[in-house]
Amino acid sequence: MAKRKIEKTAITSEKPADSERSKAVDGAIQQIEKQFGKGSIMKLGDDRARAQIEAVPTGALTLDLALGIGGLPKGRIVEIYGPESSGKTTLCLSAVAEIQKTGGVAAFVDAEHALDPSFARKMGVNIDELLVAQPDNGEEALEITESLVRSNAI
């Protein structure tokens, strides 16, 4: 009987294409962090990155707990999106009131043109100190928001 020659080949866990993809992702992350600052992009499961995020309470304890960092990320743009009458404005005004309680400055970009000053006051918002913008379109909203963020005052 003839014995068959058995060849063993080392199998790597990363295919060459995966290695190149990984390098490309790392390069993109470095470029984004260079342009926008460290922490501007991160892997969702990275506990070290998440632990360093300072939070602003929303005023709703269960939501703060569900968000995983104790509220909304401080110093970041937060967009609240949902159907009509789902509580978007109430949530935003509650967060604004919490920010104002700690001496912070808040801006409310009212894309729906529906902000009611008396309701805001009832939610605990100091309307005399609240910055409000009512843009005509999404591009204008983003430009206003970008200007406010770049000012480092918000």
Foldseek 3Di string as FASTA:
>chain_A
DDDDDDDDDDDDPDDPVNVVVVVVVVVVQVVCCVVPNPLPDDDPPPPVSLQPFAAQAQQDQVVLVVVPNRHHGPLDDDDDDDDPPPCSVVSVLSSQLSQVVVVAAEEAECQPPDDDVVVSVVSRHPVVRYHYHHDPDDVVSVVVVVVVSVVVRD
